[in-house]
Amino acid sequence: MKNAILIAGPTASGKSALALDLAERRGGVIVNTDSMQGYSVLDVLTARPEAADLARVPHFLYGHVHPATAYSTGAWLRDVMKLIDDGALSRRPVIFVGGTGLYFRALAEGISEMPDIPQRVRDRWRYELKEQGPVKLHSLLLREDSAAAMMLKPTDSQRIVRALEVLDASGRSIREWQAERGRPLIDRESAHFFVIEPDRAALVDRIEKRFDQMLDKGALDEVKRLLALGLDPELPAMKAIGVRELQAVIAGQIGFPEAIERAKIATRQYAKRQTTWFRHQLGPEWQRVRPGDDLKNAT
């Protein structure tokens, strides 16, 4: 894919608005590059573009994954490949925007192919996680695939289960699969790379105001709908910022003021981790910009 535009940035940094403005001016399309915004149900808490914005330019890969699914970087990349194969991204400028660094890395550098995991294998290891817990499964992984286990914390339940699934389904270590790099989906020479670096104080203010707005827009009811699905609390969608905090309110464990403060703190911490990752993991081809910049070089 030639002349792709990539816009990365921490949560609440204004990257979606920047992408929308650019897409409108250039007649382009927008592809979600954020792991949480891909889930359905979580419209408000993931700050997904609203209906009015979605109507202005074509948007892809927003809200298309059920929260019961543990969506992965590989699955996202396959979804992008399908858009390319279907011609949805042809003949128009394509803007990838989001806050998931691994998605951008996969897009620009490629990732290793992973084996398909049969549902019975997936169900088995999720059942084992529920019954035994991550520490015991980590001990099992240490016996069966020490190279993979040594790279994981005993509490990292999702990655432990993933390693066991891959080993069970393919008979090969996930480390072996990861060593086999794939091909990038974009032409790096013609691509434009932007990462938003907002002023810290301004970002904190945006985070606080945005969560208040989320509550006004029905975030609590959204969490109630998510909980009604009876999903495994270890699934990624269940860990979206705001879900656990508002769940505690619903359960009568804490009051609204405490939940709001907890969610705002968690969001600030997440934004800091994102900013650190982008600063250290994105190469010199990434142009640092401020919220509201015109992106004149994206031509």
C-alpha atoms as a PDB file:
ATOM      1  CA  MET A   1       0.000   0.000   0.000  1.00  0.00           C
ATOM      2  CA  LYS A   2       1.582   3.249  -1.156  1.00  0.00           C
ATOM      3  CA  ASN A   3       1.248   6.737   0.384  1.00  0.00           C
ATOM      4  CA  ALA A   4      -0.357   5.501   3.605  1.00  0.00           C
ATOM      5  CA  ILE A   5      -0.632   8.013   6.440  1.00  0.00           C
ATOM      6  CA  LEU A   6      -0.064   6.755   9.985  1.00  0.00           C
ATOM      7  CA  ILE A   7      -1.125   8.864  12.978  1.00  0.00           C
ATOM      8  CA  ALA A   8      -0.265   7.482  16.407  1.00  0.00           C
ATOM      9  CA  GLY A   9      -0.733   9.092  19.782  1.00  0.00           C
ATOM     10  CA  PRO A  10      -1.774   8.556  23.396  1.00  0.00           C
ATOM     11  CA  THR A  11      -5.398   8.427  24.439  1.00  0.00           C
ATOM     12  CA  ALA A  12      -7.262  11.753  24.427  1.00  0.00           C
ATOM     13  CA  SER A  13      -4.541  13.454  22.384  1.00  0.00           C
ATOM     14  CA  GLY A  14      -6.880  14.530  19.581  1.00  0.00           C
ATOM     15  CA  LYS A  15      -5.568  12.095  16.957  1.00  0.00           C
ATOM     16  CA  SER A  16      -9.024  11.044  15.733  1.00  0.00           C
ATOM     17  CA  ALA A  17     -10.020  14.651  15.068  1.00  0.00           C
ATOM     18  CA  LEU A  18      -6.732  15.226  13.264  1.00  0.00           C
ATOM     19  CA  ALA A  19      -7.285  12.147  11.094  1.00  0.00           C
ATOM     20  CA  LEU A  20     -10.874  13.149  10.333  1.00  0.00           C
ATOM     21  CA  ASP A  21      -9.863  16.638   9.241  1.00  0.00           C
ATOM     22  CA  LEU A  22      -7.109  15.243   7.021  1.00  0.00           C
ATOM     23  CA  ALA A  23      -9.375  12.568   5.526  1.00  0.00           C
ATOM     24  CA  GLU A  24     -12.044  15.142   4.688  1.00  0.00           C
ATOM     25  CA  ARG A  25      -9.599  17.502   3.034  1.00  0.00           C
ATOM     26  CA  ARG A  26      -7.979  14.750   1.007  1.00  0.00           C
ATOM     27  CA  GLY A  27     -10.971  12.575   0.249  1.00  0.00           C
ATOM     28  CA  GLY A  28      -9.479   9.730   2.231  1.00  0.00           C
ATOM     29  CA  VAL A  29     -10.618   6.856   4.416  1.00  0.00           C
ATOM     30  CA  ILE A  30      -9.780   6.093   8.031  1.00  0.00           C
ATOM     31  CA  VAL A  31      -8.749   2.714   9.430  1.00  0.00           C
ATOM     32  CA  ASN A  32      -8.908   2.123  13.172  1.00  0.00           C
ATOM     33  CA  THR A  33      -5.519   1.289  14.649  1.00  0.00           C
ATOM     34  CA  ASP A  34      -6.585   1.000  18.272  1.00  0.00           C
ATOM     35  CA  SER A  35      -7.248  -2.359  19.909  1.00  0.00           C
ATOM     36  CA  MET A  36     -10.096  -1.224  22.169  1.00  0.00           C
ATOM     37  CA  GLN A  37     -12.008   0.759  19.567  1.00  0.00           C
ATOM     38  CA  GLY A  38     -12.466  -2.411  17.585  1.00  0.00           C
ATOM     39  CA  TYR A  39     -14.864  -3.854  20.163  1.00  0.00           C
ATOM     40  CA  SER A  40     -18.612  -3.487  19.912  1.00  0.00           C
ATOM     41  CA  VAL A  41     -20.708  -2.378  22.917  1.00  0.00           C
ATOM     42  CA  LEU A  42     -17.900  -0.101  24.139  1.00  0.00           C
ATOM     43  CA  ASP A  43     -18.804   2.897  22.008  1.00  0.00           C
ATOM     44  CA  VAL A  44     -18.458   5.514  24.733  1.00  0.00           C
ATOM     45  CA  LEU A  45     -15.711   4.162  26.980  1.00  0.00           C
ATOM     46  CA  THR A  46     -13.313   3.605  24.080  1.00  0.00           C
ATOM     47  CA  ALA A  47     -14.010   7.104  22.705  1.00  0.00           C
ATOM     48  CA  ARG A  48     -14.975   5.657  19.354  1.00  0.00           C
ATOM     49  CA  PRO A  49     -15.884   8.253  16.690  1.00  0.00           C
ATOM     50  CA  GLU A  50     -19.529   9.240  16.950  1.00  0.00           C
ATOM     51  CA  ALA A  51     -22.142   8.698  14.242  1.00  0.00           C
ATOM     52  CA  ALA A  52     -21.759  12.225  12.862  1.00  0.00           C
ATOM     53  CA  ASP A  53     -18.022  11.709  12.385  1.00  0.00           C
ATOM     54  CA  LEU A  54     -18.492   8.259  10.863  1.00  0.00           C
ATOM     55  CA  ALA A  55     -20.840   9.815   8.307  1.00  0.00           C
ATOM     56  CA  ARG A  56     -18.295  12.394   7.159  1.00  0.00           C
ATOM     57  CA  VAL A  57     -15.737   9.945   5.728  1.00  0.00           C
ATOM     58  CA  PRO A  58     -15.571   6.144   5.467  1.00  0.00           C
ATOM     59  CA  HIS A  59     -14.282   4.496   8.662  1.00  0.00           C
ATOM     60  CA  PHE A  60     -13.173   0.862   8.884  1.00  0.00           C
ATOM     61  CA  LEU A  61     -12.581  -1.641  11.699  1.00  0.00           C
ATOM     62  CA  TYR A  62     -14.517   0.232  14.370  1.00  0.00           C
ATOM     63  CA  GLY A  63     -16.792  -1.773  16.665  1.00  0.00           C
ATOM     64  CA  HIS A  64     -16.638  -4.886  14.488  1.00  0.00           C
ATOM     65  CA  VAL A  65     -15.405  -7.343  17.142  1.00  0.00           C
ATOM     66  CA  HIS A  66     -17.630  -8.879  19.817  1.00  0.00           C
ATOM     67  CA  PRO A  67     -16.267  -8.367  23.367  1.00  0.00           C
ATOM     68  CA  ALA A  68     -16.217 -12.153  23.845  1.00  0.00           C
ATOM     69  CA  THR A  69     -13.295 -12.266  21.391  1.00  0.00           C
ATOM     70  CA  ALA A  70      -9.687 -11.848  22.486  1.00  0.00           C
ATOM     71  CA  TYR A  71      -8.739  -9.701  19.490  1.00  0.00           C
ATOM     72  CA  SER A  72      -5.051  -9.796  18.596  1.00  0.00           C
ATOM     73  CA  THR A  73      -2.557  -7.866  16.501  1.00  0.00           C
ATOM     74  CA  GLY A  74      -2.511 -10.720  14.009  1.00  0.00           C
ATOM     75  CA  ALA A  75      -6.304 -10.684  13.728  1.00  0.00           C
ATOM     76  CA  TRP A  76      -6.253  -6.923  13.137  1.00  0.00           C
ATOM     77  CA  LEU A  77      -3.608  -7.296  10.446  1.00  0.00           C
ATOM     78  CA  ARG A  78      -5.680  -9.972   8.717  1.00  0.00           C
ATOM     79  CA  ASP A  79      -8.681  -7.644   8.808  1.00  0.00           C
ATOM     80  CA  VAL A  80      -6.613  -4.919   7.147  1.00  0.00           C
ATOM     81  CA  MET A  81      -5.437  -7.409   4.518  1.00  0.00           C
ATOM     82  CA  LYS A  82      -9.061  -8.312   3.808  1.00  0.00           C
ATOM     83  CA  LEU A  83      -9.911  -4.641   3.301  1.00  0.00           C
ATOM     84  CA  ILE A  84      -7.046  -4.419   0.822  1.00  0.00           C
ATOM     85  CA  ASP A  85      -8.100  -7.595  -0.989  1.00  0.00           C
ATOM     86  CA  ASP A  86     -11.713  -6.384  -1.169  1.00  0.00           C
ATOM     87  CA  GLY A  87     -10.616  -3.095  -2.711  1.00  0.00           C
ATOM     88  CA  ALA A  88     -12.010  -0.996   0.146  1.00  0.00           C
ATOM     89  CA  LEU A  89      -8.743   0.926   0.488  1.00  0.00           C
ATOM     90  CA  SER A  90      -7.907   1.405  -3.163  1.00  0.00           C
ATOM     91  CA  ARG A  91      -7.736   4.704  -5.062  1.00  0.00           C
ATOM     92  CA  ARG A  92      -8.169   6.855  -1.954  1.00  0.00           C
ATOM     93  CA  PRO A  93      -5.696   8.127   0.663  1.00  0.00           C
ATOM     94  CA  VAL A  94      -5.664   5.724   3.624  1.00  0.00           C
ATOM     95  CA  ILE A  95      -5.161   7.089   7.127  1.00  0.00           C
ATOM     96  CA  PHE A  96      -4.388   4.692   9.963  1.00  0.00           C
ATOM     97  CA  VAL A  97      -5.066   6.274  13.348  1.00  0.00           C
ATOM     98  CA  GLY A  98      -4.971   4.937  16.890  1.00  0.00           C
ATOM     99  CA  GLY A  99      -3.009   4.329  20.028  1.00  0.00           C
ATOM    100  CA  THR A 100      -1.909   0.695  19.756  1.00  0.00           C
ATOM    101  CA  GLY A 101       1.797   0.688  19.049  1.00  0.00           C
ATOM    102  CA  LEU A 102       1.975  -2.995  18.092  1.00  0.00           C
ATOM    103  CA  TYR A 103      -0.607  -2.452  15.351  1.00  0.00           C
ATOM    104  CA  PHE A 104       1.541   0.273  13.808  1.00  0.00           C
ATOM    105  CA  ARG A 105       4.639  -1.877  14.084  1.00  0.00           C
ATOM    106  CA  ALA A 106       2.874  -4.813  12.414  1.00  0.00           C
ATOM    107  CA  LEU A 107       1.615  -2.545   9.645  1.00  0.00           C
ATOM    108  CA  ALA A 108       5.030  -1.034   8.921  1.00  0.00           C
ATOM    109  CA  GLU A 109       7.298  -3.991   9.664  1.00  0.00           C
ATOM    110  CA  GLY A 110       5.153  -7.108   9.400  1.00  0.00           C
ATOM    111  CA  ILE A 111       4.670  -9.757  12.062  1.00  0.00           C
ATOM    112  CA  SER A 112       5.157 -13.474  12.219  1.00  0.00           C
ATOM    113  CA  GLU A 113       2.356 -15.727  11.064  1.00  0.00           C
ATOM    114  CA  MET A 114       0.588 -17.604  13.838  1.00  0.00           C
ATOM    115  CA  PRO A 115      -1.257 -20.915  13.559  1.00  0.00           C
ATOM    116  CA  ASP A 116      -5.032 -21.027  13.582  1.00  0.00           C
ATOM    117  CA  ILE A 117      -6.243 -22.083  17.019  1.00  0.00           C
ATOM    118  CA  PRO A 118      -9.199 -24.514  16.968  1.00  0.00           C
ATOM    119  CA  GLN A 119     -12.047 -23.380  19.190  1.00  0.00           C
ATOM    120  CA  ARG A 120     -11.800 -26.531  21.305  1.00  0.00           C
ATOM    121  CA  VAL A 121      -8.156 -25.687  22.104  1.00  0.00           C
ATOM    122  CA  ARG A 122      -9.037 -22.095  22.902  1.00  0.00           C
ATOM    123  CA  ASP A 123     -11.901 -23.171  25.153  1.00  0.00           C
ATOM    124  CA  ARG A 124      -9.712 -25.702  26.923  1.00  0.00           C
ATOM    125  CA  TRP A 125      -7.048 -23.249  27.981  1.00  0.00           C
ATOM    126  CA  ARG A 126      -9.516 -20.582  29.010  1.00  0.00           C
ATOM    127  CA  TYR A 127     -11.205 -23.162  31.196  1.00  0.00           C
ATOM    128  CA  GLU A 128      -7.835 -24.147  32.666  1.00  0.00           C
ATOM    129  CA  LEU A 129      -7.055 -20.499  33.371  1.00  0.00           C
ATOM    130  CA  LYS A 130     -10.331 -20.106  35.210  1.00  0.00           C
ATOM    131  CA  GLU A 131      -9.822 -23.302  37.208  1.00  0.00           C
ATOM    132  CA  GLN A 132      -6.087 -23.116  37.965  1.00  0.00           C
ATOM    133  CA  GLY A 133      -5.142 -19.466  37.630  1.00  0.00           C
ATOM    134  CA  PRO A 134      -2.223 -17.904  35.743  1.00  0.00           C
ATOM    135  CA  VAL A 135       0.549 -18.876  38.174  1.00  0.00           C
ATOM    136  CA  LYS A 136      -0.108 -22.616  37.842  1.00  0.00           C
ATOM    137  CA  LEU A 137      -0.419 -22.328  34.070  1.00  0.00           C
ATOM    138  CA  HIS A 138       2.866 -20.439  34.007  1.00  0.00           C
ATOM    139  CA  SER A 139       4.483 -23.362  35.854  1.00  0.00           C
ATOM    140  CA  LEU A 140       3.053 -25.728  33.262  1.00  0.00           C
ATOM    141  CA  LEU A 141       4.353 -23.549  30.440  1.00  0.00           C
ATOM    142  CA  LEU A 142       7.756 -23.487  32.118  1.00  0.00           C
ATOM    143  CA  ARG A 143       7.879 -27.282  31.886  1.00  0.00           C
ATOM    144  CA  GLU A 144       6.558 -27.508  28.337  1.00  0.00           C
ATOM    145  CA  ASP A 145       8.065 -24.395  26.746  1.00  0.00           C
ATOM    146  CA  SER A 146      10.631 -22.804  29.018  1.00  0.00           C
ATOM    147  CA  ALA A 147      11.798 -20.284  26.394  1.00  0.00           C
ATOM    148  CA  ALA A 148       8.318 -18.777  26.164  1.00  0.00           C
ATOM    149  CA  ALA A 149       7.668 -18.953  29.904  1.00  0.00           C
ATOM    150  CA  MET A 150      10.888 -17.129  30.752  1.00  0.00           C
ATOM    151  CA  MET A 151       9.654 -14.131  28.747  1.00  0.00           C
ATOM    152  CA  LEU A 152       6.392 -13.841  30.704  1.00  0.00           C
ATOM    153  CA  LYS A 153       5.386 -12.826  34.192  1.00  0.00           C
ATOM    154  CA  PRO A 154       3.509 -15.541  36.138  1.00  0.00           C
ATOM    155  CA  THR A 155       0.532 -13.169  36.362  1.00  0.00           C
ATOM    156  CA  ASP A 156       0.364 -12.384  32.635  1.00  0.00           C
ATOM    157  CA  SER A 157      -2.675 -14.583  32.083  1.00  0.00           C
ATOM    158  CA  GLN A 158      -3.510 -13.680  28.468  1.00  0.00           C
ATOM    159  CA  ARG A 159      -0.004 -14.217  27.123  1.00  0.00           C
ATOM    160  CA  ILE A 160       0.457 -17.421  29.105  1.00  0.00           C
ATOM    161  CA  VAL A 161      -2.761 -18.840  27.687  1.00  0.00           C
ATOM    162  CA  ARG A 162      -1.767 -17.687  24.209  1.00  0.00           C
ATOM    163  CA  ALA A 163       1.579 -19.502  24.448  1.00  0.00           C
ATOM    164  CA  LEU A 164      -0.122 -22.697  25.629  1.00  0.00           C
ATOM    165  CA  GLU A 165      -2.718 -22.470  22.848  1.00  0.00           C
ATOM    166  CA  VAL A 166      -0.060 -22.120  20.164  1.00  0.00           C
ATOM    167  CA  LEU A 167       1.968 -24.994  21.575  1.00  0.00           C
ATOM    168  CA  ASP A 168      -1.115 -27.204  21.848  1.00  0.00           C
ATOM    169  CA  ALA A 169      -2.411 -26.388  18.361  1.00  0.00           C
ATOM    170  CA  SER A 170       0.862 -26.503  16.438  1.00  0.00           C
ATOM    171  CA  GLY A 171       3.367 -28.465  18.500  1.00  0.00           C
ATOM    172  CA  ARG A 172       5.780 -25.543  18.158  1.00  0.00           C
ATOM    173  CA  SER A 173       6.804 -22.849  20.616  1.00  0.00           C
ATOM    174  CA  ILE A 174       5.258 -19.437  20.141  1.00  0.00           C
ATOM    175  CA  ARG A 175       8.838 -18.135  20.161  1.00  0.00           C
ATOM    176  CA  GLU A 176       9.572 -20.110  16.986  1.00  0.00           C
ATOM    177  CA  TRP A 177       6.518 -18.623  15.293  1.00  0.00           C
ATOM    178  CA  GLN A 178       7.458 -15.129  16.438  1.00  0.00           C
ATOM    179  CA  ALA A 179      10.943 -15.484  14.934  1.00  0.00           C
ATOM    180  CA  GLU A 180       9.465 -15.843  11.439  1.00  0.00           C
ATOM    181  CA  ARG A 181       8.784 -12.282  10.353  1.00  0.00           C
ATOM    182  CA  GLY A 182       6.043 -11.421   7.887  1.00  0.00           C
ATOM    183  CA  ARG A 183       5.937  -8.656   5.298  1.00  0.00           C
ATOM    184  CA  PRO A 184       4.805  -5.079   5.932  1.00  0.00           C
ATOM    185  CA  LEU A 185       1.491  -4.009   4.398  1.00  0.00           C
ATOM    186  CA  ILE A 186       2.624  -0.495   3.561  1.00  0.00           C
ATOM    187  CA  ASP A 187       5.364   0.913   1.364  1.00  0.00           C
ATOM    188  CA  ARG A 188       7.590   2.607   3.923  1.00  0.00           C
ATOM    189  CA  GLU A 189       9.285   4.861   1.367  1.00  0.00           C
ATOM    190  CA  SER A 190       6.069   6.617   0.363  1.00  0.00           C
ATOM    191  CA  ALA A 191       4.323   6.465   3.759  1.00  0.00           C
ATOM    192  CA  HIS A 192       3.924   9.437   6.111  1.00  0.00           C
ATOM    193  CA  PHE A 193       4.453   8.795   9.812  1.00  0.00           C
ATOM    194  CA  PHE A 194       3.126  11.102  12.532  1.00  0.00           C
ATOM    195  CA  VAL A 195       3.016  10.691  16.300  1.00  0.00           C
ATOM    196  CA  ILE A 196       1.197  13.223  18.448  1.00  0.00           C
ATOM    197  CA  GLU A 197       3.095  14.441  21.494  1.00  0.00           C
ATOM    198  CA  PRO A 198       0.702  16.633  23.493  1.00  0.00           C
ATOM    199  CA  ASP A 199       1.674  18.882  26.364  1.00  0.00           C
ATOM    200  CA  ARG A 200       1.344  16.789  29.534  1.00  0.00           C
ATOM    201  CA  ALA A 201      -0.760  19.281  31.478  1.00  0.00           C
ATOM    202  CA  ALA A 202      -3.091  19.808  28.534  1.00  0.00           C
ATOM    203  CA  LEU A 203      -3.459  16.054  28.073  1.00  0.00           C
ATOM    204  CA  VAL A 204      -4.363  15.540  31.720  1.00  0.00           C
ATOM    205  CA  ASP A 205      -7.031  18.231  31.396  1.00  0.00           C
ATOM    206  CA  ARG A 206      -8.435  16.585  28.254  1.00  0.00           C
ATOM    207  CA  ILE A 207      -8.507  13.184  29.985  1.00  0.00           C
ATOM    208  CA  GLU A 208     -10.413  14.510  32.972  1.00  0.00           C
ATOM    209  CA  LYS A 209     -12.980  16.397  30.911  1.00  0.00           C
ATOM    210  CA  ARG A 210     -13.444  13.493  28.509  1.00  0.00           C
ATOM    211  CA  PHE A 211     -14.267  10.971  31.215  1.00  0.00           C
ATOM    212  CA  ASP A 212     -16.873  13.355  32.638  1.00  0.00           C
ATOM    213  CA  GLN A 213     -18.355  13.578  29.148  1.00  0.00           C
ATOM    214  CA  MET A 214     -18.347   9.784  28.868  1.00  0.00           C
ATOM    215  CA  LEU A 215     -20.531   9.563  31.955  1.00  0.00           C
ATOM    216  CA  ASP A 216     -22.914  12.129  30.486  1.00  0.00           C
ATOM    217  CA  LYS A 217     -23.129  10.074  27.290  1.00  0.00           C
ATOM    218  CA  GLY A 218     -24.146   6.874  29.065  1.00  0.00           C
ATOM    219  CA  ALA A 219     -20.932   5.077  30.043  1.00  0.00           C
ATOM    220  CA  LEU A 220     -22.616   3.477  33.061  1.00  0.00           C
ATOM    221  CA  ASP A 221     -25.391   1.955  30.948  1.00  0.00           C
ATOM    222  CA  GLU A 222     -22.754   0.762  28.504  1.00  0.00           C
ATOM    223  CA  VAL A 223     -20.957  -1.125  31.279  1.00  0.00           C
ATOM    224  CA  LYS A 224     -24.275  -2.642  32.378  1.00  0.00           C
ATOM    225  CA  ARG A 225     -24.812  -3.961  28.835  1.00  0.00           C
ATOM    226  CA  LEU A 226     -21.299  -5.378  28.781  1.00  0.00           C
ATOM    227  CA  LEU A 227     -21.729  -7.113  32.146  1.00  0.00           C
ATOM    228  CA  ALA A 228     -25.041  -8.600  30.985  1.00  0.00           C
ATOM    229  CA  LEU A 229     -23.074 -10.650  28.451  1.00  0.00           C
ATOM    230  CA  GLY A 230     -21.528 -12.674  31.299  1.00  0.00           C
ATOM    231  CA  LEU A 231     -18.031 -12.576  29.847  1.00  0.00           C
ATOM    232  CA  ASP A 232     -14.755 -13.826  31.315  1.00  0.00           C
ATOM    233  CA  PRO A 233     -13.299 -10.886  33.282  1.00  0.00           C
ATOM    234  CA  GLU A 234      -9.863 -11.689  31.828  1.00  0.00           C
ATOM    235  CA  LEU A 235     -10.938 -10.843  28.283  1.00  0.00           C
ATOM    236  CA  PRO A 236      -9.331  -7.653  26.910  1.00  0.00           C
ATOM    237  CA  ALA A 237     -12.646  -5.841  26.460  1.00  0.00           C
ATOM    238  CA  MET A 238     -13.441  -6.354  30.134  1.00  0.00           C
ATOM    239  CA  LYS A 239     -10.227  -4.544  31.003  1.00  0.00           C
ATOM    240  CA  ALA A 240     -11.080  -1.357  29.129  1.00  0.00           C
ATOM    241  CA  ILE A 241     -10.489   1.639  31.371  1.00  0.00           C
ATOM    242  CA  GLY A 242     -13.707   2.543  33.136  1.00  0.00           C
ATOM    243  CA  VAL A 243     -15.257  -0.922  33.019  1.00  0.00           C
ATOM    244  CA  ARG A 244     -13.937  -2.191  36.337  1.00  0.00           C
ATOM    245  CA  GLU A 245     -14.370   1.152  38.027  1.00  0.00           C
ATOM    246  CA  LEU A 246     -18.018   1.486  37.014  1.00  0.00           C
ATOM    247  CA  GLN A 247     -18.603  -2.202  37.658  1.00  0.00           C
ATOM    248  CA  ALA A 248     -17.579  -1.563  41.254  1.00  0.00           C
ATOM    249  CA  VAL A 249     -20.184   1.216  41.438  1.00  0.00           C
ATOM    250  CA  ILE A 250     -22.872  -1.102  40.092  1.00  0.00           C
ATOM    251  CA  ALA A 251     -21.907  -3.716  42.688  1.00  0.00           C
ATOM    252  CA  GLY A 252     -22.126  -1.127  45.454  1.00  0.00           C
ATOM    253  CA  GLN A 253     -18.453  -1.510  46.352  1.00  0.00           C
ATOM    254  CA  ILE A 254     -17.475   2.124  45.811  1.00  0.00           C
ATOM    255  CA  GLY A 255     -19.228   5.414  45.124  1.00  0.00           C
ATOM    256  CA  PHE A 256     -19.254   7.421  41.913  1.00  0.00           C
ATOM    257  CA  PRO A 257     -16.661  10.004  43.006  1.00  0.00           C
ATOM    258  CA  GLU A 258     -14.107   7.299  43.832  1.00  0.00           C
ATOM    259  CA  ALA A 259     -14.818   5.405  40.595  1.00  0.00           C
ATOM    260  CA  ILE A 260     -14.391   8.560  38.552  1.00  0.00           C
ATOM    261  CA  GLU A 261     -11.093   9.392  40.227  1.00  0.00           C
ATOM    262  CA  ARG A 262      -9.810   5.842  39.757  1.00  0.00           C
ATOM    263  CA  ALA A 263     -10.726   5.849  36.077  1.00  0.00           C
ATOM    264  CA  LYS A 264      -9.070   9.196  35.486  1.00  0.00           C
ATOM    265  CA  ILE A 265      -5.896   8.048  37.232  1.00  0.00           C
ATOM    266  CA  ALA A 266      -5.851   4.822  35.199  1.00  0.00           C
ATOM    267  CA  THR A 267      -6.297   6.813  31.980  1.00  0.00           C
ATOM    268  CA  ARG A 268      -3.451   9.171  32.857  1.00  0.00           C
ATOM    269  CA  GLN A 269      -1.197   6.208  33.621  1.00  0.00           C
ATOM    270  CA  TYR A 270      -2.144   4.532  30.356  1.00  0.00           C
ATOM    271  CA  ALA A 271      -1.434   7.694  28.365  1.00  0.00           C
ATOM    272  CA  LYS A 272       1.964   7.937  30.012  1.00  0.00           C
ATOM    273  CA  ARG A 273       2.794   4.332  29.069  1.00  0.00           C
ATOM    274  CA  GLN A 274       1.701   4.975  25.492  1.00  0.00           C
ATOM    275  CA  THR A 275       3.788   8.132  25.240  1.00  0.00           C
ATOM    276  CA  THR A 276       6.843   6.319  26.593  1.00  0.00           C
ATOM    277  CA  TRP A 277       6.360   3.452  24.142  1.00  0.00           C
ATOM    278  CA  PHE A 278       6.010   5.764  21.167  1.00  0.00           C
ATOM    279  CA  ARG A 279       9.059   7.770  22.225  1.00  0.00           C
ATOM    280  CA  HIS A 280      11.317   4.726  22.514  1.00  0.00           C
ATOM    281  CA  GLN A 281       9.874   2.308  19.962  1.00  0.00           C
ATOM    282  CA  LEU A 282       9.049   4.479  16.954  1.00  0.00           C
ATOM    283  CA  GLY A 283      11.937   5.259  14.631  1.00  0.00           C
ATOM    284  CA  PRO A 284      13.259   8.526  13.206  1.00  0.00           C
ATOM    285  CA  GLU A 285      10.827   8.405  10.271  1.00  0.00           C
ATOM    286  CA  TRP A 286       8.038   9.332  12.686  1.00  0.00           C
ATOM    287  CA  GLN A 287       7.440  13.087  12.718  1.00  0.00           C
ATOM    288  CA  ARG A 288       6.522  14.481  16.130  1.00  0.00           C
ATOM    289  CA  VAL A 289       3.501  16.812  15.983  1.00  0.00           C
ATOM    290  CA  ARG A 290       1.250  18.682  18.376  1.00  0.00           C
ATOM    291  CA  PRO A 291      -2.540  18.359  18.611  1.00  0.00           C
ATOM    292  CA  GLY A 292      -4.184  20.528  16.001  1.00  0.00           C
ATOM    293  CA  ASP A 293      -1.153  20.669  13.682  1.00  0.00           C
ATOM    294  CA  ASP A 294      -2.058  20.918  10.010  1.00  0.00           C
ATOM    295  CA  LEU A 295       0.062  17.943   8.882  1.00  0.00           C
ATOM    296  CA  LYS A 296       1.079  19.845   5.753  1.00  0.00           C
ATOM    297  CA  ASN A 297       3.680  17.217   4.950  1.00  0.00           C
ATOM    298  CA  ALA A 298       0.994  14.547   4.507  1.00  0.00           C
ATOM    299  CA  THR A 299       0.718  15.069   0.756  1.00  0.00           C
END
